[in-house]
Amino acid sequence: LSLSGEENVYGGRITYGGLDIENCEPHVVYEPVTEPFYWQFKMKKVSIGTFSSSIGWLAASDTSGNLIAGPSAIASAIAIEAGAKVS
């Protein structure tokens, strides 16, 4: 995902079931799901701009929509760093 300062524009991409060799680094790592009924997995680290956290937590990704869930403190810090606005 990139920050362009523009509003209401396409902001990024998540690729499921394939490799995005145009937008991602060549290093691919398998991460097992921790909950078999949905895509919950262990996040080891996340960073955006000046924010970085490596405390580790469980996250979930909804492949039928646009949901990526995790701890609210981490999500809030990412949103602030990305310049997101609450509506």
Protein backbone atom coordinates (compact mmCIF):
# COMPACT_ATOMS: atom_id res chain seq x y z
CA LEU A 1 0.00 0.00 0.00
CA SER A 2 1.26 3.47 -0.74
CA LEU A 3 0.41 6.91 0.55
CA SER A 4 -0.12 9.55 -2.10
CA GLY A 5 -1.94 12.24 -0.12
CA GLU A 6 -4.95 11.96 -2.41
CA GLU A 7 -8.43 11.06 -1.21
CA ASN A 8 -10.85 8.50 -2.65
CA VAL A 9 -8.24 6.77 -4.79
CA TYR A 10 -7.21 3.14 -5.13
CA GLY A 11 -4.93 2.50 -2.17
CA GLY A 12 -3.42 -0.94 -2.42
CA ARG A 13 -3.68 -4.62 -3.05
CA ILE A 14 -3.71 -7.91 -1.19
CA THR A 15 -3.06 -11.05 -3.24
CA TYR A 16 -4.58 -14.35 -2.08
CA GLY A 17 -3.54 -17.66 -3.58
CA GLY A 18 -0.75 -16.35 -5.76
CA LEU A 19 2.48 -14.40 -5.90
CA ASP A 20 2.62 -10.69 -6.70
CA ILE A 21 6.11 -10.40 -8.17
CA GLU A 22 5.49 -6.82 -9.31
CA ASN A 23 4.67 -5.30 -5.90
CA CYS A 24 6.27 -7.67 -3.39
CA GLU A 25 9.75 -8.75 -2.43
CA PRO A 26 10.85 -12.15 -3.75
CA HIS A 27 11.08 -13.67 -0.24
CA VAL A 28 7.89 -15.72 0.37
CA VAL A 29 7.19 -17.20 3.80
CA TYR A 30 4.48 -19.73 4.66
CA GLU A 31 2.50 -18.75 7.74
CA PRO A 32 0.11 -21.42 9.10
CA VAL A 33 -3.39 -20.43 10.18
CA THR A 34 -4.05 -20.64 13.92
CA GLU A 35 -7.82 -21.03 13.57
CA PRO A 36 -9.07 -23.52 10.96
CA PHE A 37 -12.50 -21.88 10.48
CA TYR A 38 -11.18 -18.54 9.21
CA TRP A 39 -7.89 -16.95 8.16
CA GLN A 40 -6.46 -16.19 11.60
CA PHE A 41 -2.68 -16.16 11.77
CA LYS A 42 0.18 -14.99 13.96
CA MET A 43 1.54 -11.58 13.00
CA LYS A 44 5.15 -11.18 14.02
CA LYS A 45 5.79 -7.61 12.90
CA VAL A 46 4.18 -4.70 11.08
CA SER A 47 5.56 -1.34 10.06
CA ILE A 48 4.36 1.74 8.20
CA GLY A 49 6.14 5.06 8.02
CA THR A 50 7.68 5.71 11.44
CA PHE A 51 5.48 3.15 13.26
CA SER A 52 6.77 -0.36 13.89
CA SER A 53 5.65 -3.11 16.25
CA SER A 54 7.08 -6.57 16.73
CA ILE A 55 5.24 -7.63 19.90
CA GLY A 56 3.39 -10.39 18.04
CA TRP A 57 -0.38 -10.92 18.04
CA LEU A 58 -3.17 -12.81 16.30
CA ALA A 59 -4.71 -11.24 13.20
CA ALA A 60 -7.46 -12.29 10.82
CA SER A 61 -8.02 -11.60 7.14
CA ASP A 62 -11.45 -11.98 5.52
CA THR A 63 -10.84 -13.25 1.99
CA SER A 64 -14.46 -12.55 0.98
CA GLY A 65 -14.23 -8.86 1.83
CA ASN A 66 -11.77 -6.18 2.81
CA LEU A 67 -11.41 -6.95 6.52
CA ILE A 68 -8.02 -7.31 8.13
CA ALA A 69 -8.44 -7.41 11.91
CA GLY A 70 -6.02 -7.18 14.78
CA PRO A 71 -5.58 -5.47 18.15
CA SER A 72 -7.23 -2.03 18.25
CA ALA A 73 -4.09 -0.26 19.53
CA ILE A 74 -2.05 -1.58 16.58
CA ALA A 75 -4.82 -0.83 14.06
CA SER A 76 -5.18 2.71 15.44
CA ALA A 77 -1.44 3.36 15.23
CA ILE A 78 -1.39 2.13 11.62
CA ALA A 79 -4.40 4.30 10.75
CA ILE A 80 -2.82 7.40 12.32
CA GLU A 81 0.46 6.82 10.49
CA ALA A 82 -1.43 6.30 7.22
CA GLY A 83 -3.37 9.53 7.74
CA ALA A 84 -6.74 7.77 7.85
CA LYS A 85 -9.81 9.67 8.98
CA VAL A 86 -12.55 8.15 11.13
CA SER A 87 -15.97 8.53 9.56
